[in-house]
Amino acid sequence: MVAETWVDRSESGTVFDGVDLEDAVLENCTFTDCSFTFAHLVELRTRHCRFDGCNFTGARLGASTHVASSFANCRFDGAALLGATFTECRLLGASFVKAETAGLVIDGGDWSFVNLRLQTLRGVDFSRVRLADADFYGCDLGNVNFRGAELTGVNFDKANLAGADLRGAVLSRVNLAALNLRGVRLDFDQAIQLAQSLGAIVGGAD
């Protein structure tokens, strides 16, 4: 069976529920408010595609690869994304409630306002990723790499950050004093920020 190739396709409100696009290639396509629930999208490859408000609930996206594609305000609730790769993609406001995210690979991009609550994301590399106001409530973020990431306003409540690397990350509006930072790697400026948040007066001798 020859894999499908879609180029410059535009769809709005189209229902693709249960569609089989295994190993398909999508380039420069636009999908607005489309439904891909329980679709078979294993090893799907997208490049410069745009998905706005689409529903991928229960979809199978294992080993799929996405380059410079946008999934703004899309739902991946209950989806299987085992080993999926997102390179310089935009997932603004995407939701991953009860999704399977083991082996997820993220290389750059904008994941601001994303909902990753209660996910196990141990060892994921979020370096350089924009994650402003992302929700990591209750996540297992052990040994996650956040170096150089934009973490303004991120929700780390009840998250496990043991061994995480936050050096060089922007942590504006993050209450470091409320987090368990045991084993977390901070740079010098962040350590000062933490000390000040705890009421310390940082400075040289008078």
C-alpha atoms as a PDB file:
ATOM      1  CA  MET A   1       0.000   0.000   0.000  1.00  0.00           C
ATOM      2  CA  VAL A   2       1.446   3.359  -1.086  1.00  0.00           C
ATOM      3  CA  ALA A   3       1.412   6.023   1.637  1.00  0.00           C
ATOM      4  CA  GLU A   4      -0.707   9.069   0.893  1.00  0.00           C
ATOM      5  CA  THR A   5       0.781  12.486   0.176  1.00  0.00           C
ATOM      6  CA  TRP A   6      -1.252  15.647   0.711  1.00  0.00           C
ATOM      7  CA  VAL A   7       0.211  18.949  -0.499  1.00  0.00           C
ATOM      8  CA  ASP A   8      -1.386  22.414  -0.166  1.00  0.00           C
ATOM      9  CA  ARG A   9      -4.661  20.877   1.027  1.00  0.00           C
ATOM     10  CA  SER A  10      -7.090  23.100   2.946  1.00  0.00           C
ATOM     11  CA  GLU A  11      -9.964  21.762   5.074  1.00  0.00           C
ATOM     12  CA  SER A  12     -12.373  23.407   7.502  1.00  0.00           C
ATOM     13  CA  GLY A  13     -14.712  21.515   9.822  1.00  0.00           C
ATOM     14  CA  THR A  14     -13.965  18.233   8.051  1.00  0.00           C
ATOM     15  CA  VAL A  15     -14.383  14.956   9.969  1.00  0.00           C
ATOM     16  CA  PHE A  16     -11.466  12.542   9.552  1.00  0.00           C
ATOM     17  CA  ASP A  17     -12.383  10.364  12.550  1.00  0.00           C
ATOM     18  CA  GLY A  18     -10.731   6.937  12.313  1.00  0.00           C
ATOM     19  CA  VAL A  19      -8.888   7.785   9.101  1.00  0.00           C
ATOM     20  CA  ASP A  20      -5.816   5.686   8.289  1.00  0.00           C
ATOM     21  CA  LEU A  21      -2.908   7.939   7.321  1.00  0.00           C
ATOM     22  CA  GLU A  22      -0.077   5.723   8.491  1.00  0.00           C
ATOM     23  CA  ASP A  23       3.241   6.887   7.040  1.00  0.00           C
ATOM     24  CA  ALA A  24       1.442   9.655   5.102  1.00  0.00           C
ATOM     25  CA  VAL A  25       3.178  12.911   4.173  1.00  0.00           C
ATOM     26  CA  LEU A  26       1.390  16.254   4.645  1.00  0.00           C
ATOM     27  CA  GLU A  27       3.053  19.438   3.372  1.00  0.00           C
ATOM     28  CA  ASN A  28       1.803  23.031   3.485  1.00  0.00           C
ATOM     29  CA  CYS A  29      -1.698  21.879   4.447  1.00  0.00           C
ATOM     30  CA  THR A  30      -4.211  23.825   6.558  1.00  0.00           C
ATOM     31  CA  PHE A  31      -6.879  22.232   8.785  1.00  0.00           C
ATOM     32  CA  THR A  32      -9.300  24.380  10.776  1.00  0.00           C
ATOM     33  CA  ASP A  33     -11.655  22.875  13.398  1.00  0.00           C
ATOM     34  CA  CYS A  34     -11.214  19.406  11.894  1.00  0.00           C
ATOM     35  CA  SER A  35     -11.678  16.149  13.801  1.00  0.00           C
ATOM     36  CA  PHE A  36      -9.090  13.348  13.732  1.00  0.00           C
ATOM     37  CA  THR A  37     -10.423  11.394  16.730  1.00  0.00           C
ATOM     38  CA  PHE A  38      -9.084   7.841  16.960  1.00  0.00           C
ATOM     39  CA  ALA A  39      -7.286   8.327  13.627  1.00  0.00           C
ATOM     40  CA  HIS A  40      -4.382   6.033  12.738  1.00  0.00           C
ATOM     41  CA  LEU A  41      -1.519   8.479  12.231  1.00  0.00           C
ATOM     42  CA  VAL A  42       1.468   6.302  13.110  1.00  0.00           C
ATOM     43  CA  GLU A  43       4.640   7.579  11.404  1.00  0.00           C
ATOM     44  CA  LEU A  44       2.708  10.490   9.908  1.00  0.00           C
ATOM     45  CA  ARG A  45       5.023  13.235   8.646  1.00  0.00           C
ATOM     46  CA  THR A  46       3.944  16.868   8.527  1.00  0.00           C
ATOM     47  CA  ARG A  47       5.939  19.829   7.289  1.00  0.00           C
ATOM     48  CA  HIS A  48       4.804  23.461   7.366  1.00  0.00           C
ATOM     49  CA  CYS A  49       1.235  22.363   8.115  1.00  0.00           C
ATOM     50  CA  ARG A  50      -1.282  24.295  10.195  1.00  0.00           C
ATOM     51  CA  PHE A  51      -3.880  22.684  12.457  1.00  0.00           C
ATOM     52  CA  ASP A  52      -6.113  25.202  14.247  1.00  0.00           C
ATOM     53  CA  GLY A  53      -8.537  23.964  16.900  1.00  0.00           C
ATOM     54  CA  CYS A  54      -8.378  20.379  15.656  1.00  0.00           C
ATOM     55  CA  ASN A  55      -9.328  17.350  17.753  1.00  0.00           C
ATOM     56  CA  PHE A  56      -6.861  14.436  17.930  1.00  0.00           C
ATOM     57  CA  THR A  57      -8.543  12.735  20.916  1.00  0.00           C
ATOM     58  CA  GLY A  58      -7.575   9.057  21.029  1.00  0.00           C
ATOM     59  CA  ALA A  59      -5.492   9.319  17.853  1.00  0.00           C
ATOM     60  CA  ARG A  60      -2.410   7.147  17.368  1.00  0.00           C
ATOM     61  CA  LEU A  61       0.573   9.345  16.520  1.00  0.00           C
ATOM     62  CA  GLY A  62       3.419   7.080  17.535  1.00  0.00           C
ATOM     63  CA  ALA A  63       6.745   7.762  15.785  1.00  0.00           C
ATOM     64  CA  SER A  64       5.173  10.650  13.856  1.00  0.00           C
ATOM     65  CA  THR A  65       7.441  13.554  12.886  1.00  0.00           C
ATOM     66  CA  HIS A  66       6.450  17.182  12.556  1.00  0.00           C
ATOM     67  CA  VAL A  67       8.661  19.982  11.226  1.00  0.00           C
ATOM     68  CA  ALA A  68       7.680  23.658  11.459  1.00  0.00           C
ATOM     69  CA  SER A  69       4.009  22.714  11.819  1.00  0.00           C
ATOM     70  CA  SER A  70       1.434  24.422  14.038  1.00  0.00           C
ATOM     71  CA  PHE A  71      -1.119  22.692  16.293  1.00  0.00           C
ATOM     72  CA  ALA A  72      -2.632  25.740  18.017  1.00  0.00           C
ATOM     73  CA  ASN A  73      -5.443  24.977  20.483  1.00  0.00           C
ATOM     74  CA  CYS A  74      -5.566  21.326  19.405  1.00  0.00           C
ATOM     75  CA  ARG A  75      -6.686  18.477  21.672  1.00  0.00           C
ATOM     76  CA  PHE A  76      -4.514  15.377  22.024  1.00  0.00           C
ATOM     77  CA  ASP A  77      -6.470  14.032  24.993  1.00  0.00           C
ATOM     78  CA  GLY A  78      -5.912  10.288  25.336  1.00  0.00           C
ATOM     79  CA  ALA A  79      -3.760  10.245  22.194  1.00  0.00           C
ATOM     80  CA  ALA A  80      -0.746   7.945  21.825  1.00  0.00           C
ATOM     81  CA  LEU A  81       2.341  10.009  20.964  1.00  0.00           C
ATOM     82  CA  LEU A  82       4.993   7.433  21.791  1.00  0.00           C
ATOM     83  CA  GLY A  83       8.244   8.571  20.225  1.00  0.00           C
ATOM     84  CA  ALA A  84       6.650  11.474  18.326  1.00  0.00           C
ATOM     85  CA  THR A  85       9.033  14.264  17.275  1.00  0.00           C
ATOM     86  CA  PHE A  86       8.171  17.962  17.042  1.00  0.00           C
ATOM     87  CA  THR A  87      10.856  20.179  15.490  1.00  0.00           C
ATOM     88  CA  GLU A  88      10.347  23.954  15.688  1.00  0.00           C
ATOM     89  CA  CYS A  89       6.591  23.441  15.974  1.00  0.00           C
ATOM     90  CA  ARG A  90       3.925  25.669  17.526  1.00  0.00           C
ATOM     91  CA  LEU A  91       1.558  23.982  19.988  1.00  0.00           C
ATOM     92  CA  LEU A  92       0.097  27.089  21.581  1.00  0.00           C
ATOM     93  CA  GLY A  93      -2.699  26.092  23.983  1.00  0.00           C
ATOM     94  CA  ALA A  94      -2.656  22.385  23.032  1.00  0.00           C
ATOM     95  CA  SER A  95      -4.071  19.884  25.543  1.00  0.00           C
ATOM     96  CA  PHE A  96      -2.558  16.473  26.360  1.00  0.00           C
ATOM     97  CA  VAL A  97      -4.909  15.178  29.080  1.00  0.00           C
ATOM     98  CA  LYS A  98      -4.164  11.487  29.716  1.00  0.00           C
ATOM     99  CA  ALA A  99      -2.063  11.292  26.530  1.00  0.00           C
ATOM    100  CA  GLU A 100       0.775   8.773  26.195  1.00  0.00           C
ATOM    101  CA  THR A 101       3.937  10.851  25.830  1.00  0.00           C
ATOM    102  CA  ALA A 102       6.773   8.399  26.505  1.00  0.00           C
ATOM    103  CA  GLY A 103       9.762   9.088  24.278  1.00  0.00           C
ATOM    104  CA  LEU A 104       8.437  12.475  23.170  1.00  0.00           C
ATOM    105  CA  VAL A 105      11.102  14.530  21.361  1.00  0.00           C
ATOM    106  CA  ILE A 106      10.800  18.320  21.268  1.00  0.00           C
ATOM    107  CA  ASP A 107      13.324  20.431  19.394  1.00  0.00           C
ATOM    108  CA  GLY A 108      12.613  24.148  19.811  1.00  0.00           C
ATOM    109  CA  GLY A 109       9.285  25.764  19.036  1.00  0.00           C
ATOM    110  CA  ASP A 110       6.502  27.431  21.015  1.00  0.00           C
ATOM    111  CA  TRP A 111       4.508  25.352  23.519  1.00  0.00           C
ATOM    112  CA  SER A 112       3.070  28.281  25.461  1.00  0.00           C
ATOM    113  CA  PHE A 113      -0.172  27.717  27.402  1.00  0.00           C
ATOM    114  CA  VAL A 114       0.070  23.968  26.758  1.00  0.00           C
ATOM    115  CA  ASN A 115      -1.730  21.618  29.165  1.00  0.00           C
ATOM    116  CA  LEU A 116       0.581  18.763  30.193  1.00  0.00           C
ATOM    117  CA  ARG A 117      -0.900  18.210  33.652  1.00  0.00           C
ATOM    118  CA  LEU A 118       0.010  14.951  35.403  1.00  0.00           C
ATOM    119  CA  GLN A 119       2.222  13.747  32.549  1.00  0.00           C
ATOM    120  CA  THR A 120       5.359  11.637  33.027  1.00  0.00           C
ATOM    121  CA  LEU A 121       8.017  13.528  31.086  1.00  0.00           C
ATOM    122  CA  ARG A 122      11.208  12.248  32.678  1.00  0.00           C
ATOM    123  CA  GLY A 123      14.314  13.203  30.730  1.00  0.00           C
ATOM    124  CA  VAL A 124      12.512  15.185  28.027  1.00  0.00           C
ATOM    125  CA  ASP A 125      14.638  17.923  26.460  1.00  0.00           C
ATOM    126  CA  PHE A 126      12.754  21.234  26.561  1.00  0.00           C
ATOM    127  CA  SER A 127      15.879  23.344  26.050  1.00  0.00           C
ATOM    128  CA  ARG A 128      15.235  26.527  24.036  1.00  0.00           C
ATOM    129  CA  VAL A 129      11.479  25.800  23.946  1.00  0.00           C
ATOM    130  CA  ARG A 130       9.042  28.621  24.684  1.00  0.00           C
ATOM    131  CA  LEU A 131       6.721  27.356  27.448  1.00  0.00           C
ATOM    132  CA  ALA A 132       5.210  30.571  28.809  1.00  0.00           C
ATOM    133  CA  ASP A 133       2.230  29.843  31.097  1.00  0.00           C
ATOM    134  CA  ALA A 134       2.448  26.099  30.407  1.00  0.00           C
ATOM    135  CA  ASP A 135       0.723  23.828  32.930  1.00  0.00           C
ATOM    136  CA  PHE A 136       2.986  21.120  34.402  1.00  0.00           C
ATOM    137  CA  TYR A 137       0.834  20.534  37.500  1.00  0.00           C
ATOM    138  CA  GLY A 138       1.682  17.204  39.108  1.00  0.00           C
ATOM    139  CA  CYS A 139       4.098  16.205  36.329  1.00  0.00           C
ATOM    140  CA  ASP A 140       7.092  13.947  36.769  1.00  0.00           C
ATOM    141  CA  LEU A 141       9.846  16.190  35.389  1.00  0.00           C
ATOM    142  CA  GLY A 142      12.787  14.266  36.785  1.00  0.00           C
ATOM    143  CA  ASN A 143      16.018  15.019  34.894  1.00  0.00           C
ATOM    144  CA  VAL A 144      14.191  17.221  32.377  1.00  0.00           C
ATOM    145  CA  ASN A 145      16.367  19.711  30.504  1.00  0.00           C
ATOM    146  CA  PHE A 146      14.895  23.234  30.623  1.00  0.00           C
ATOM    147  CA  ARG A 147      18.150  25.032  29.789  1.00  0.00           C
ATOM    148  CA  GLY A 148      17.462  28.313  28.024  1.00  0.00           C
ATOM    149  CA  ALA A 149      13.701  27.699  27.964  1.00  0.00           C
ATOM    150  CA  GLU A 150      11.098  30.444  28.355  1.00  0.00           C
ATOM    151  CA  LEU A 151       9.252  29.425  31.543  1.00  0.00           C
ATOM    152  CA  THR A 152       7.479  32.667  32.410  1.00  0.00           C
ATOM    153  CA  GLY A 153       4.370  31.963  34.460  1.00  0.00           C
ATOM    154  CA  VAL A 154       4.726  28.166  34.275  1.00  0.00           C
ATOM    155  CA  ASN A 155       2.696  26.119  36.770  1.00  0.00           C
ATOM    156  CA  PHE A 156       5.026  23.657  38.528  1.00  0.00           C
ATOM    157  CA  ASP A 157       2.680  23.001  41.485  1.00  0.00           C
ATOM    158  CA  LYS A 158       3.126  19.468  42.862  1.00  0.00           C
ATOM    159  CA  ALA A 159       5.572  18.611  40.065  1.00  0.00           C
ATOM    160  CA  ASN A 160       8.647  16.450  40.629  1.00  0.00           C
ATOM    161  CA  LEU A 161      11.676  18.446  39.439  1.00  0.00           C
ATOM    162  CA  ALA A 162      14.396  16.229  40.916  1.00  0.00           C
ATOM    163  CA  GLY A 163      17.491  16.462  38.745  1.00  0.00           C
ATOM    164  CA  ALA A 164      15.936  19.004  36.354  1.00  0.00           C
ATOM    165  CA  ASP A 165      18.254  21.562  34.759  1.00  0.00           C
ATOM    166  CA  LEU A 166      16.844  25.115  34.871  1.00  0.00           C
ATOM    167  CA  ARG A 167      20.057  26.969  34.076  1.00  0.00           C
ATOM    168  CA  GLY A 168      19.529  29.882  31.735  1.00  0.00           C
ATOM    169  CA  ALA A 169      15.754  29.484  31.775  1.00  0.00           C
ATOM    170  CA  VAL A 170      13.514  32.539  32.153  1.00  0.00           C
ATOM    171  CA  LEU A 171      11.541  32.040  35.374  1.00  0.00           C
ATOM    172  CA  SER A 172       9.556  35.273  35.667  1.00  0.00           C
ATOM    173  CA  ARG A 173       6.314  34.855  37.631  1.00  0.00           C
ATOM    174  CA  VAL A 174       7.437  31.422  38.880  1.00  0.00           C
ATOM    175  CA  ASN A 175       7.364  31.120  42.668  1.00  0.00           C
ATOM    176  CA  LEU A 176      10.618  29.236  43.224  1.00  0.00           C
ATOM    177  CA  ALA A 177      10.187  29.352  46.984  1.00  0.00           C
ATOM    178  CA  ALA A 178       7.060  27.189  46.707  1.00  0.00           C
ATOM    179  CA  LEU A 179       8.821  24.420  44.756  1.00  0.00           C
ATOM    180  CA  ASN A 180      10.818  21.420  45.908  1.00  0.00           C
ATOM    181  CA  LEU A 181      14.164  22.235  44.297  1.00  0.00           C
ATOM    182  CA  ARG A 182      16.170  19.406  45.814  1.00  0.00           C
ATOM    183  CA  GLY A 183      18.648  18.263  43.166  1.00  0.00           C
ATOM    184  CA  VAL A 184      17.572  20.973  40.685  1.00  0.00           C
ATOM    185  CA  ARG A 185      20.365  22.769  38.811  1.00  0.00           C
ATOM    186  CA  LEU A 186      20.176  26.584  38.913  1.00  0.00           C
ATOM    187  CA  ASP A 187      22.543  29.237  37.595  1.00  0.00           C
ATOM    188  CA  PHE A 188      23.947  32.012  39.781  1.00  0.00           C
ATOM    189  CA  ASP A 189      21.273  34.599  38.910  1.00  0.00           C
ATOM    190  CA  GLN A 190      18.485  32.105  39.592  1.00  0.00           C
ATOM    191  CA  ALA A 191      20.028  31.218  42.946  1.00  0.00           C
ATOM    192  CA  ILE A 192      19.960  34.910  43.862  1.00  0.00           C
ATOM    193  CA  GLN A 193      16.341  35.137  42.702  1.00  0.00           C
ATOM    194  CA  LEU A 194      15.499  32.174  44.947  1.00  0.00           C
ATOM    195  CA  ALA A 195      17.331  33.642  47.923  1.00  0.00           C
ATOM    196  CA  GLN A 196      15.526  36.962  47.512  1.00  0.00           C
ATOM    197  CA  SER A 197      12.165  35.206  47.244  1.00  0.00           C
ATOM    198  CA  LEU A 198      12.938  33.660  50.637  1.00  0.00           C
ATOM    199  CA  GLY A 199      13.601  37.092  52.140  1.00  0.00           C
ATOM    200  CA  ALA A 200      17.384  37.097  51.974  1.00  0.00           C
ATOM    201  CA  ILE A 201      19.278  40.336  51.337  1.00  0.00           C
ATOM    202  CA  VAL A 202      21.911  39.531  48.748  1.00  0.00           C
ATOM    203  CA  GLY A 203      24.949  41.793  48.501  1.00  0.00           C
ATOM    204  CA  GLY A 204      28.552  42.337  49.479  1.00  0.00           C
ATOM    205  CA  ALA A 205      29.804  43.369  52.862  1.00  0.00           C
ATOM    206  CA  ASP A 206      29.097  46.978  53.888  1.00  0.00           C
END
